[in-house]
Protein backbone atom coordinates (compact mmCIF):
# COMPACT_ATOMS: atom_id res chain seq x y z
CA MET A 1 0.00 0.00 0.00
CA GLU A 2 1.41 3.35 -1.03
CA ILE A 3 0.85 6.53 0.93
CA SER A 4 0.29 9.62 -1.17
CA MET A 5 2.00 12.85 -0.23
CA SER A 6 -1.38 14.45 0.47
CA GLU A 7 -2.16 11.99 3.29
CA ASN A 8 -1.40 12.92 6.88
CA VAL A 9 2.07 11.76 7.93
CA LEU A 10 0.53 10.33 11.12
CA SER A 11 -2.17 8.35 9.33
CA ARG A 12 -1.46 5.06 11.13
CA PRO A 13 -1.24 4.44 14.90
CA LEU A 14 2.37 3.24 14.77
CA ASP A 15 3.31 6.44 12.91
CA LEU A 16 2.32 8.38 16.02
CA LEU A 17 4.47 6.15 18.22
CA ASN A 18 7.35 6.46 15.78
CA SER A 19 7.14 10.27 15.98
CA ALA A 20 7.45 9.98 19.80
CA LYS A 21 10.71 7.96 19.68
CA GLY A 22 13.43 9.72 21.63
CA LYS A 23 10.87 11.83 23.52
CA MET A 24 9.36 11.59 26.99
CA VAL A 25 6.12 9.61 27.17
CA LEU A 26 3.59 8.63 29.80
CA VAL A 27 2.58 4.95 29.80
CA GLU A 28 -0.52 3.98 31.78
CA LEU A 29 -0.90 0.30 32.63
CA LYS A 30 -3.92 -1.94 33.22
CA ASN A 31 -2.92 -2.35 36.88
CA GLY A 32 -3.32 1.40 37.47
CA HIS A 33 0.39 2.23 37.49
CA ALA A 34 1.82 5.09 35.42
CA ILE A 35 5.38 5.17 34.11
CA THR A 36 7.19 8.03 32.40
CA GLY A 37 10.42 7.79 30.42
CA LYS A 38 12.11 8.37 27.09
CA LEU A 39 10.66 6.09 24.41
CA ILE A 40 13.59 4.17 22.94
CA ALA A 41 11.90 1.41 20.95
CA PHE A 42 8.58 -0.36 20.27
CA ASP A 43 7.29 -3.19 18.10
CA VAL A 44 4.03 -4.16 16.39
CA HIS A 45 2.75 -5.66 19.67
CA ILE A 46 3.31 -2.24 21.32
CA ASN A 47 5.97 -3.72 23.59
CA VAL A 48 7.99 -0.64 24.55
CA THR A 49 11.42 0.13 25.94
CA LEU A 50 11.84 3.26 28.05
CA GLU A 51 15.02 4.93 29.29
CA ASN A 52 15.24 6.80 32.63
CA ALA A 53 11.81 5.45 33.56
CA GLU A 54 10.02 6.52 36.73
CA GLU A 55 6.86 5.18 38.33
CA LYS A 56 4.50 8.09 39.02
CA LYS A 57 1.41 8.73 41.11
CA ASP A 58 -0.24 12.05 40.29
CA VAL A 59 2.84 14.30 39.94
CA ASP A 60 4.99 12.51 42.53
CA THR A 61 7.75 10.04 41.65
CA LEU A 62 7.26 6.79 43.56
CA ARG A 63 10.49 5.19 42.37
CA LYS A 64 13.13 5.44 39.68
CA LEU A 65 13.23 2.38 37.43
CA GLY A 66 16.01 3.14 34.94
CA ASN A 67 15.71 1.24 31.65
CA VAL A 68 12.54 -0.85 31.37
CA PHE A 69 10.74 -3.12 28.93
CA ILE A 70 6.93 -3.03 29.16
CA ARG A 71 4.78 -5.70 27.52
CA GLY A 72 2.25 -4.26 25.12
CA ASP A 73 -0.64 -6.31 26.50
CA THR A 74 -0.31 -4.47 29.85
CA ILE A 75 -0.55 -0.97 28.32
CA ILE A 76 -3.79 0.99 28.06
CA LEU A 77 -2.36 4.38 27.01
CA ILE A 78 0.83 5.98 25.70
CA SER A 79 0.96 9.76 25.57
CA PRO A 80 3.64 12.41 25.08
CA THR A 81 4.35 14.09 28.43
CA ILE A 82 3.85 17.81 28.86
């Protein structure tokens, strides 16, 4: 399938994730936990690798996690952080 130049560059969900590589993201998990970190890599299953990850509650840091791998089936949301 070819993408014409007139189509939006972020026309597919993985395009949005690809544009967030190297940037800080917020990952919310099914268990209610929230993790922030720099998005390093992801795959088609939305498994993600974050650098300098921190577990958050509201605006407080609960603990620093460092580099983490998060399984895609545990994720409910990935968003660029503000």
